[in-house]
Amino acid sequence: MNYPIPAKTAISELEVKKSRFIGIASHADSRDAALTILEKIRADYPDARHHCWAYQLGHPDTPTSAAMGDDGEPSGTAGKPILNVIQHKDVSDVMVVVVRYFGGIKLGAGGLVRAYSGAAQAAMADLAIKHHVSLTALSIVSDFRHEQFIRHFADTHQGQISDVVYTDNVALTLHLPDEATDPFETSIGALNIQVRRATE
């Protein structure tokens, strides 16, 4: 599945009644990666009052995982608004952290929701996007004469070749975008090429 993901980290800042809200949106392709980002941001902003966050993984239309944290703010006023912003953007594999430096004036529940939403929106608006492409790994054994055909197919379909071994024939691992896998298998039907979908 192809879908938009962050290309690099975006940082934005919002001030609301003397409180600073720093929104940081980053690429994270797993829960561990998201929590590693959170720990790094806590280390980068150690004197902040709150480090609230949310992430979403997998295709934006059918996420495989999502989570959020209020980090001491009243329940539902920080993590949920951040996650709502993510869910309304066509982007996934994303971790958004909003760092708050308390300015001494309480904002109330509605004010907090608006502030955390605003900081998350600003970071997401500045986010550069690239596309995640799911790849299928194929283990291939072929006569030498077909190697050039395989390499050409990989080049023209955004595939990658790894683990090439030459013996009496050529054995290689080919990573193809999911949508190119069936056409590849069809195109080699008449050739003496053994293919199996690798388990990674």
C-alpha atoms as a PDB file:
ATOM      1  CA  MET A   1       0.000   0.000   0.000  1.00  0.00           C
ATOM      2  CA  ASN A   2       1.207   3.457  -0.913  1.00  0.00           C
ATOM      3  CA  TYR A   3       0.401   6.415   1.313  1.00  0.00           C
ATOM      4  CA  PRO A   4       1.880   9.787   2.360  1.00  0.00           C
ATOM      5  CA  ILE A   5       4.365   9.847   5.245  1.00  0.00           C
ATOM      6  CA  PRO A   6       6.564  12.590   6.728  1.00  0.00           C
ATOM      7  CA  ALA A   7       9.743  13.245   4.744  1.00  0.00           C
ATOM      8  CA  LYS A   8      11.415  15.097   7.630  1.00  0.00           C
ATOM      9  CA  THR A   9      10.578  16.656  10.974  1.00  0.00           C
ATOM     10  CA  ALA A  10       8.518  19.861  11.123  1.00  0.00           C
ATOM     11  CA  ILE A  11       8.494  22.199  14.130  1.00  0.00           C
ATOM     12  CA  SER A  12       6.129  25.095  14.770  1.00  0.00           C
ATOM     13  CA  GLU A  13       5.381  27.318  17.744  1.00  0.00           C
ATOM     14  CA  LEU A  14       2.239  28.920  19.098  1.00  0.00           C
ATOM     15  CA  GLU A  15       1.793  31.285  22.047  1.00  0.00           C
ATOM     16  CA  VAL A  16      -1.518  31.313  23.917  1.00  0.00           C
ATOM     17  CA  LYS A  17      -1.891  33.537  27.000  1.00  0.00           C
ATOM     18  CA  LYS A  18       1.839  33.413  27.723  1.00  0.00           C
ATOM     19  CA  SER A  19       2.029  29.599  27.392  1.00  0.00           C
ATOM     20  CA  ARG A  20       4.307  28.366  24.597  1.00  0.00           C
ATOM     21  CA  PHE A  21       3.122  25.355  22.585  1.00  0.00           C
ATOM     22  CA  ILE A  22       5.800  23.795  20.370  1.00  0.00           C
ATOM     23  CA  GLY A  23       4.426  21.311  17.831  1.00  0.00           C
ATOM     24  CA  ILE A  24       6.807  18.692  16.445  1.00  0.00           C
ATOM     25  CA  ALA A  25       5.732  16.245  13.722  1.00  0.00           C
ATOM     26  CA  SER A  26       8.078  13.391  12.768  1.00  0.00           C
ATOM     27  CA  HIS A  27       8.138  10.136  10.845  1.00  0.00           C
ATOM     28  CA  ALA A  28       7.621   7.022  12.988  1.00  0.00           C
ATOM     29  CA  ASP A  29       6.937   3.607  11.454  1.00  0.00           C
ATOM     30  CA  SER A  30       6.428   1.706  14.727  1.00  0.00           C
ATOM     31  CA  ARG A  31       5.334   2.264  18.327  1.00  0.00           C
ATOM     32  CA  ASP A  32       8.959   1.892  19.446  1.00  0.00           C
ATOM     33  CA  ALA A  33      10.063   4.554  16.954  1.00  0.00           C
ATOM     34  CA  ALA A  34       7.316   6.905  18.154  1.00  0.00           C
ATOM     35  CA  LEU A  35       8.235   6.463  21.816  1.00  0.00           C
ATOM     36  CA  THR A  36      11.925   6.964  20.993  1.00  0.00           C
ATOM     37  CA  ILE A  37      11.003  10.317  19.416  1.00  0.00           C
ATOM     38  CA  LEU A  38       9.029  11.216  22.550  1.00  0.00           C
ATOM     39  CA  GLU A  39      12.003  10.443  24.795  1.00  0.00           C
ATOM     40  CA  LYS A  40      14.322  12.519  22.589  1.00  0.00           C
ATOM     41  CA  ILE A  41      11.932  15.485  22.707  1.00  0.00           C
ATOM     42  CA  ARG A  42      11.670  15.174  26.495  1.00  0.00           C
ATOM     43  CA  ALA A  43      15.470  15.329  26.601  1.00  0.00           C
ATOM     44  CA  ASP A  44      15.542  18.305  24.196  1.00  0.00           C
ATOM     45  CA  TYR A  45      12.923  20.240  26.229  1.00  0.00           C
ATOM     46  CA  PRO A  46      13.562  19.028  29.793  1.00  0.00           C
ATOM     47  CA  ASP A  47      12.170  22.120  31.509  1.00  0.00           C
ATOM     48  CA  ALA A  48       8.774  22.046  29.735  1.00  0.00           C
ATOM     49  CA  ARG A  49       5.673  21.408  31.839  1.00  0.00           C
ATOM     50  CA  HIS A  50       4.053  18.897  29.453  1.00  0.00           C
ATOM     51  CA  HIS A  51       5.060  16.724  26.491  1.00  0.00           C
ATOM     52  CA  CYS A  52       1.719  15.619  25.001  1.00  0.00           C
ATOM     53  CA  TRP A  53       1.598  13.358  21.980  1.00  0.00           C
ATOM     54  CA  ALA A  54      -0.242  11.151  19.519  1.00  0.00           C
ATOM     55  CA  TYR A  55       0.780   8.864  16.688  1.00  0.00           C
ATOM     56  CA  GLN A  56      -0.832   6.929  13.857  1.00  0.00           C
ATOM     57  CA  LEU A  57       0.662   4.014  11.922  1.00  0.00           C
ATOM     58  CA  GLY A  58      -0.382   2.324   8.696  1.00  0.00           C
ATOM     59  CA  HIS A  59      -2.529   3.568   5.819  1.00  0.00           C
ATOM     60  CA  PRO A  60      -4.456   6.729   6.797  1.00  0.00           C
ATOM     61  CA  ASP A  61      -7.760   5.130   5.721  1.00  0.00           C
ATOM     62  CA  THR A  62      -7.174   1.929   7.713  1.00  0.00           C
ATOM     63  CA  PRO A  63      -4.589   2.606  10.442  1.00  0.00           C
ATOM     64  CA  THR A  64      -2.967  -0.409  12.074  1.00  0.00           C
ATOM     65  CA  SER A  65      -2.259   1.453  15.314  1.00  0.00           C
ATOM     66  CA  ALA A  66      -2.877   4.789  17.034  1.00  0.00           C
ATOM     67  CA  ALA A  67      -2.199   6.058  20.537  1.00  0.00           C
ATOM     68  CA  MET A  68      -2.025   9.300  22.503  1.00  0.00           C
ATOM     69  CA  GLY A  69      -0.908  10.732  25.839  1.00  0.00           C
ATOM     70  CA  ASP A  70      -1.980  13.793  27.885  1.00  0.00           C
ATOM     71  CA  ASP A  71       1.164  13.886  30.074  1.00  0.00           C
ATOM     72  CA  GLY A  72      -0.599  15.412  33.056  1.00  0.00           C
ATOM     73  CA  GLU A  73      -2.993  17.713  31.238  1.00  0.00           C
ATOM     74  CA  PRO A  74      -6.722  17.125  31.982  1.00  0.00           C
ATOM     75  CA  SER A  75      -7.928  13.968  30.256  1.00  0.00           C
ATOM     76  CA  GLY A  76      -8.981  14.548  26.650  1.00  0.00           C
ATOM     77  CA  THR A  77      -7.549  18.077  26.360  1.00  0.00           C
ATOM     78  CA  ALA A  78      -4.179  17.290  24.728  1.00  0.00           C
ATOM     79  CA  GLY A  79      -3.525  13.841  23.247  1.00  0.00           C
ATOM     80  CA  LYS A  80      -7.016  13.462  21.750  1.00  0.00           C
ATOM     81  CA  PRO A  81      -6.988  16.844  19.964  1.00  0.00           C
ATOM     82  CA  ILE A  82      -3.523  16.041  18.566  1.00  0.00           C
ATOM     83  CA  LEU A  83      -4.738  12.653  17.319  1.00  0.00           C
ATOM     84  CA  ASN A  84      -7.846  14.265  15.801  1.00  0.00           C
ATOM     85  CA  VAL A  85      -5.603  16.567  13.768  1.00  0.00           C
ATOM     86  CA  ILE A  86      -3.569  13.584  12.497  1.00  0.00           C
ATOM     87  CA  GLN A  87      -6.727  11.656  11.606  1.00  0.00           C
ATOM     88  CA  HIS A  88      -8.002  14.519   9.465  1.00  0.00           C
ATOM     89  CA  LYS A  89      -4.780  14.704   7.446  1.00  0.00           C
ATOM     90  CA  ASP A  90      -3.987  12.262   4.649  1.00  0.00           C
ATOM     91  CA  VAL A  91      -0.682  11.339   6.322  1.00  0.00           C
ATOM     92  CA  SER A  92       0.350   8.414   8.497  1.00  0.00           C
ATOM     93  CA  ASP A  93       3.379   6.784  10.127  1.00  0.00           C
ATOM     94  CA  VAL A  94       3.526  10.070  12.007  1.00  0.00           C
ATOM     95  CA  MET A  95       4.264  11.069  15.602  1.00  0.00           C
ATOM     96  CA  VAL A  96       3.208  14.511  16.787  1.00  0.00           C
ATOM     97  CA  VAL A  97       4.441  15.862  20.117  1.00  0.00           C
ATOM     98  CA  VAL A  98       3.291  19.199  21.520  1.00  0.00           C
ATOM     99  CA  VAL A  99       5.575  20.631  24.179  1.00  0.00           C
ATOM    100  CA  ARG A 100       4.023  23.153  26.571  1.00  0.00           C
ATOM    101  CA  TYR A 101       5.810  25.767  28.612  1.00  0.00           C
ATOM    102  CA  PHE A 102       3.222  27.010  31.119  1.00  0.00           C
ATOM    103  CA  GLY A 103       2.834  30.786  31.130  1.00  0.00           C
ATOM    104  CA  GLY A 104       1.015  31.129  34.436  1.00  0.00           C
ATOM    105  CA  ILE A 105      -2.510  31.601  33.051  1.00  0.00           C
ATOM    106  CA  LYS A 106      -4.879  28.621  33.063  1.00  0.00           C
ATOM    107  CA  LEU A 107      -6.606  28.101  29.728  1.00  0.00           C
ATOM    108  CA  GLY A 108      -9.509  25.870  30.749  1.00  0.00           C
ATOM    109  CA  ALA A 109     -10.454  22.674  28.959  1.00  0.00           C
ATOM    110  CA  GLY A 110     -11.679  24.379  25.789  1.00  0.00           C
ATOM    111  CA  GLY A 111      -8.625  26.604  25.634  1.00  0.00           C
ATOM    112  CA  LEU A 112      -6.303  23.628  26.014  1.00  0.00           C
ATOM    113  CA  VAL A 113      -8.065  21.701  23.243  1.00  0.00           C
ATOM    114  CA  ARG A 114      -7.769  24.687  20.906  1.00  0.00           C
ATOM    115  CA  ALA A 115      -4.115  25.290  21.808  1.00  0.00           C
ATOM    116  CA  TYR A 116      -3.005  21.668  21.382  1.00  0.00           C
ATOM    117  CA  SER A 117      -5.027  21.345  18.174  1.00  0.00           C
ATOM    118  CA  GLY A 118      -3.542  24.575  16.856  1.00  0.00           C
ATOM    119  CA  ALA A 119       0.035  23.565  17.624  1.00  0.00           C
ATOM    120  CA  ALA A 120      -0.481  20.150  15.998  1.00  0.00           C
ATOM    121  CA  GLN A 121      -2.166  21.745  12.961  1.00  0.00           C
ATOM    122  CA  ALA A 122       0.716  24.188  12.522  1.00  0.00           C
ATOM    123  CA  ALA A 123       3.334  21.412  12.640  1.00  0.00           C
ATOM    124  CA  MET A 124       1.370  19.228  10.211  1.00  0.00           C
ATOM    125  CA  ALA A 125       0.897  22.185   7.853  1.00  0.00           C
ATOM    126  CA  ASP A 126       4.679  22.610   7.628  1.00  0.00           C
ATOM    127  CA  LEU A 127       5.319  18.893   7.140  1.00  0.00           C
ATOM    128  CA  ALA A 128       7.132  17.831   3.954  1.00  0.00           C
ATOM    129  CA  ILE A 129       5.607  14.650   2.545  1.00  0.00           C
ATOM    130  CA  LYS A 130       6.929  11.628   0.679  1.00  0.00           C
ATOM    131  CA  HIS A 131       5.229   8.347  -0.220  1.00  0.00           C
ATOM    132  CA  HIS A 132       5.603   5.064   1.604  1.00  0.00           C
ATOM    133  CA  VAL A 133       5.705   2.164  -0.849  1.00  0.00           C
ATOM    134  CA  SER A 134       5.103  -1.359   0.439  1.00  0.00           C
ATOM    135  CA  LEU A 135       7.542  -3.850  -1.081  1.00  0.00           C
ATOM    136  CA  THR A 136       7.220  -7.595  -1.609  1.00  0.00           C
ATOM    137  CA  ALA A 137      10.443  -9.619  -1.371  1.00  0.00           C
ATOM    138  CA  LEU A 138      10.923 -12.290  -4.050  1.00  0.00           C
ATOM    139  CA  SER A 139      13.616 -14.977  -4.007  1.00  0.00           C
ATOM    140  CA  ILE A 140      14.619 -15.657  -7.607  1.00  0.00           C
ATOM    141  CA  VAL A 141      16.796 -18.303  -9.236  1.00  0.00           C
ATOM    142  CA  SER A 142      17.440 -17.740 -12.923  1.00  0.00           C
ATOM    143  CA  ASP A 143      19.671 -18.584 -15.853  1.00  0.00           C
ATOM    144  CA  PHE A 144      22.296 -15.892 -16.410  1.00  0.00           C
ATOM    145  CA  ARG A 145      20.666 -14.849 -19.677  1.00  0.00           C
ATOM    146  CA  HIS A 146      17.563 -13.580 -17.847  1.00  0.00           C
ATOM    147  CA  GLU A 147      19.409 -11.481 -15.262  1.00  0.00           C
ATOM    148  CA  GLN A 148      19.348  -8.345 -17.417  1.00  0.00           C
ATOM    149  CA  PHE A 149      15.585  -8.687 -17.896  1.00  0.00           C
ATOM    150  CA  ILE A 150      15.088  -8.946 -14.109  1.00  0.00           C
ATOM    151  CA  ARG A 151      17.307  -5.935 -13.457  1.00  0.00           C
ATOM    152  CA  HIS A 152      15.524  -3.893 -16.126  1.00  0.00           C
ATOM    153  CA  PHE A 153      12.118  -4.762 -14.631  1.00  0.00           C
ATOM    154  CA  ALA A 154      13.357  -3.705 -11.189  1.00  0.00           C
ATOM    155  CA  ASP A 155      14.712  -0.394 -12.528  1.00  0.00           C
ATOM    156  CA  THR A 156      11.500   0.491 -14.361  1.00  0.00           C
ATOM    157  CA  HIS A 157       9.175  -0.450 -11.464  1.00  0.00           C
ATOM    158  CA  GLN A 158      10.991   1.193  -8.520  1.00  0.00           C
ATOM    159  CA  GLY A 159      12.307  -2.181  -7.350  1.00  0.00           C
ATOM    160  CA  GLN A 160      15.500  -3.007  -5.497  1.00  0.00           C
ATOM    161  CA  ILE A 161      17.852  -5.976  -5.896  1.00  0.00           C
ATOM    162  CA  SER A 162      19.918  -7.412  -3.045  1.00  0.00           C
ATOM    163  CA  ASP A 163      21.771 -10.589  -2.088  1.00  0.00           C
ATOM    164  CA  VAL A 164      23.007 -11.589  -5.546  1.00  0.00           C
ATOM    165  CA  VAL A 165      24.824 -14.954  -5.605  1.00  0.00           C
ATOM    166  CA  TYR A 166      26.426 -16.424  -8.732  1.00  0.00           C
ATOM    167  CA  THR A 167      26.873 -20.204  -8.983  1.00  0.00           C
ATOM    168  CA  ASP A 168      25.645 -22.365 -11.867  1.00  0.00           C
ATOM    169  CA  ASN A 169      22.929 -19.749 -12.168  1.00  0.00           C
ATOM    170  CA  VAL A 170      22.074 -16.458 -10.479  1.00  0.00           C
ATOM    171  CA  ALA A 171      20.131 -16.250  -7.222  1.00  0.00           C
ATOM    172  CA  LEU A 172      18.934 -12.886  -6.011  1.00  0.00           C
ATOM    173  CA  THR A 173      16.369 -11.185  -3.820  1.00  0.00           C
ATOM    174  CA  LEU A 174      14.148  -8.702  -5.597  1.00  0.00           C
ATOM    175  CA  HIS A 175      12.040  -6.177  -3.673  1.00  0.00           C
ATOM    176  CA  LEU A 176       9.136  -4.923  -5.782  1.00  0.00           C
ATOM    177  CA  PRO A 177       6.254  -2.562  -5.005  1.00  0.00           C
ATOM    178  CA  ASP A 178       3.227  -4.692  -4.192  1.00  0.00           C
ATOM    179  CA  GLU A 179       1.349  -3.648  -7.329  1.00  0.00           C
ATOM    180  CA  ALA A 180       4.289  -4.683  -9.570  1.00  0.00           C
ATOM    181  CA  THR A 181       4.652  -8.186  -8.118  1.00  0.00           C
ATOM    182  CA  ASP A 182       1.853  -9.895 -10.080  1.00  0.00           C
ATOM    183  CA  PRO A 183       2.861  -8.270 -13.403  1.00  0.00           C
ATOM    184  CA  PHE A 184       6.438  -9.454 -12.835  1.00  0.00           C
ATOM    185  CA  GLU A 185       5.346 -13.028 -12.152  1.00  0.00           C
ATOM    186  CA  THR A 186       3.143 -12.920 -15.262  1.00  0.00           C
ATOM    187  CA  SER A 187       5.958 -11.526 -17.442  1.00  0.00           C
ATOM    188  CA  ILE A 188       8.357 -14.354 -16.555  1.00  0.00           C
ATOM    189  CA  GLY A 189       5.789 -17.102 -17.014  1.00  0.00           C
ATOM    190  CA  ALA A 190       7.434 -18.482 -20.157  1.00  0.00           C
ATOM    191  CA  LEU A 191      11.012 -18.054 -18.892  1.00  0.00           C
ATOM    192  CA  ASN A 192      13.069 -20.514 -16.889  1.00  0.00           C
ATOM    193  CA  ILE A 193      12.951 -18.445 -13.705  1.00  0.00           C
ATOM    194  CA  GLN A 194      12.047 -19.809 -10.272  1.00  0.00           C
ATOM    195  CA  VAL A 195      10.280 -17.330  -7.989  1.00  0.00           C
ATOM    196  CA  ARG A 196       8.988 -17.589  -4.463  1.00  0.00           C
ATOM    197  CA  ARG A 197       7.754 -14.889  -2.163  1.00  0.00           C
ATOM    198  CA  ALA A 198      10.338 -14.523   0.557  1.00  0.00           C
ATOM    199  CA  THR A 199       9.504 -14.335   4.245  1.00  0.00           C
ATOM    200  CA  GLU A 200      11.300 -11.457   5.945  1.00  0.00           C
END
